[in-house]
Structure formats: structure tokens, C-alpha cells
Amino acid sequence: MGPGLFGGQAAQRSLMFLANYGEGYPREIARTFGLNLSSIQGQLDRFEAAGVLASRLRGRTRLYVINPRYAFRQELNALLTRM
């Protein structure tokens, strides 16, 4: 399954990171994969607007998680685990 499945490399890597670690912040995800911070931030914002992700502030850092109320959470986690 290529990066096109979720829209691009930033999208796929962001979701894989969150599925693997449970939570993360944009700079950490960008640094892990050597990707542009703004592309990661934009993708996380789009996923949150679509209801796939949820976020909260911890101090001044915004942490993202796969939304526990997302209707296809189990299916998404299963797919990401296989990737």
C-alpha cells in the first residue's frame, strides 16, 4: 500500500506514527521521518477536521491521537498495523 492511499507521504506517516506510539506532536513526527513540519501540521489539521484525529494541549504542545470516537477506528488501526 503506497502513500497514495491516505493522500500522501505526510498523511500516511502521521497515521502510522500515531497508531504505533498512541500519541504525538507535529515536530516529533516530522523529525522522525525527515519530513517538512508544515506538511505534517497541515495533514494533522485536516485529519482532525475530518474527525479521524483528536488533539489536546499539554502545556504549549498540541498532542494528537487517533480519535477514540472515530467510527472506523478499529479498521484504521488494523490497516495501519498491517502497513
Protein backbone atom coordinates (compact mmCIF):
# COMPACT_ATOMS: atom_id res chain seq x y z
CA MET A 1 0.00 0.00 0.00
CA GLY A 2 1.55 3.19 -1.16
CA PRO A 3 1.41 6.71 0.13
CA GLY A 4 -1.49 7.48 -2.21
CA LEU A 5 -3.91 5.52 -0.06
CA PHE A 6 -4.19 8.33 2.51
CA GLY A 7 -3.32 11.18 0.18
CA GLY A 8 0.44 11.48 0.53
CA GLN A 9 3.55 10.62 2.47
CA ALA A 10 2.83 13.08 5.30
CA ALA A 11 -0.65 11.65 5.76
CA GLN A 12 0.45 8.03 5.80
CA ARG A 13 3.44 8.57 8.05
CA SER A 14 1.44 10.69 10.51
CA LEU A 15 -1.20 8.00 10.90
CA MET A 16 1.38 5.23 11.17
CA PHE A 17 3.24 7.16 13.88
CA LEU A 18 0.07 7.74 15.90
CA ALA A 19 -1.04 4.11 15.52
CA ASN A 20 2.37 2.93 16.70
CA TYR A 21 3.02 5.36 19.57
CA GLY A 22 -0.55 6.24 20.57
CA GLU A 23 0.05 9.99 20.51
CA GLY A 24 2.43 12.50 19.05
CA TYR A 25 3.06 16.12 18.19
CA PRO A 26 3.86 17.53 14.75
CA ARG A 27 7.55 18.33 15.28
CA GLU A 28 8.22 14.83 16.64
CA ILE A 29 6.50 13.19 13.67
CA ALA A 30 8.29 15.43 11.15
CA ARG A 31 11.67 14.79 12.78
CA THR A 32 11.12 11.02 12.92
CA PHE A 33 10.50 10.77 9.17
CA GLY A 34 12.59 13.70 7.96
CA LEU A 35 9.51 15.47 6.57
CA ASN A 36 8.58 19.14 6.41
CA LEU A 37 6.91 20.34 9.63
CA SER A 38 4.29 22.43 7.84
CA SER A 39 3.14 19.46 5.74
CA ILE A 40 2.73 17.34 8.88
CA GLN A 41 0.86 20.12 10.70
CA GLY A 42 -1.44 20.66 7.75
CA GLN A 43 -2.20 16.98 7.44
CA LEU A 44 -2.89 16.58 11.15
CA ASP A 45 -5.26 19.57 11.00
CA ARG A 46 -7.12 18.03 8.03
CA PHE A 47 -7.47 14.69 9.81
CA GLU A 48 -8.73 16.43 12.93
CA ALA A 49 -11.27 18.46 10.93
CA ALA A 50 -12.50 15.18 9.37
CA GLY A 51 -12.87 13.57 12.81
CA VAL A 52 -10.14 10.97 12.31
CA LEU A 53 -7.85 12.56 14.90
CA ALA A 54 -8.40 14.39 18.16
CA SER A 55 -5.97 16.72 19.90
CA ARG A 56 -5.38 18.32 23.26
CA LEU A 57 -2.88 20.72 24.71
CA ARG A 58 -0.20 19.56 27.11
CA GLY A 59 1.37 22.80 28.21
CA ARG A 60 2.08 24.60 24.95
CA THR A 61 2.32 21.41 22.90
CA ARG A 62 -0.63 20.08 20.90
CA LEU A 63 -0.75 16.28 21.09
CA TYR A 64 -2.68 14.27 18.52
CA VAL A 65 -4.26 10.83 18.86
CA ILE A 66 -6.49 8.73 16.66
CA ASN A 67 -9.95 9.84 17.73
CA PRO A 68 -11.41 7.21 20.10
CA ARG A 69 -14.88 8.17 18.80
CA TYR A 70 -13.97 7.74 15.13
CA ALA A 71 -16.43 5.22 13.65
CA PHE A 72 -13.73 3.28 11.77
CA ARG A 73 -11.03 3.42 14.43
CA GLN A 74 -10.58 -0.35 14.72
CA GLU A 75 -10.44 -0.81 10.97
CA LEU A 76 -7.96 2.05 10.59
CA ASN A 77 -5.73 0.65 13.34
CA ALA A 78 -5.83 -2.80 11.75
CA LEU A 79 -4.87 -1.38 8.35
CA LEU A 80 -2.07 0.73 9.78
CA THR A 81 -0.73 -2.21 11.78
CA ARG A 82 -0.51 -4.29 8.59
CA MET A 83 1.29 -1.49 6.76
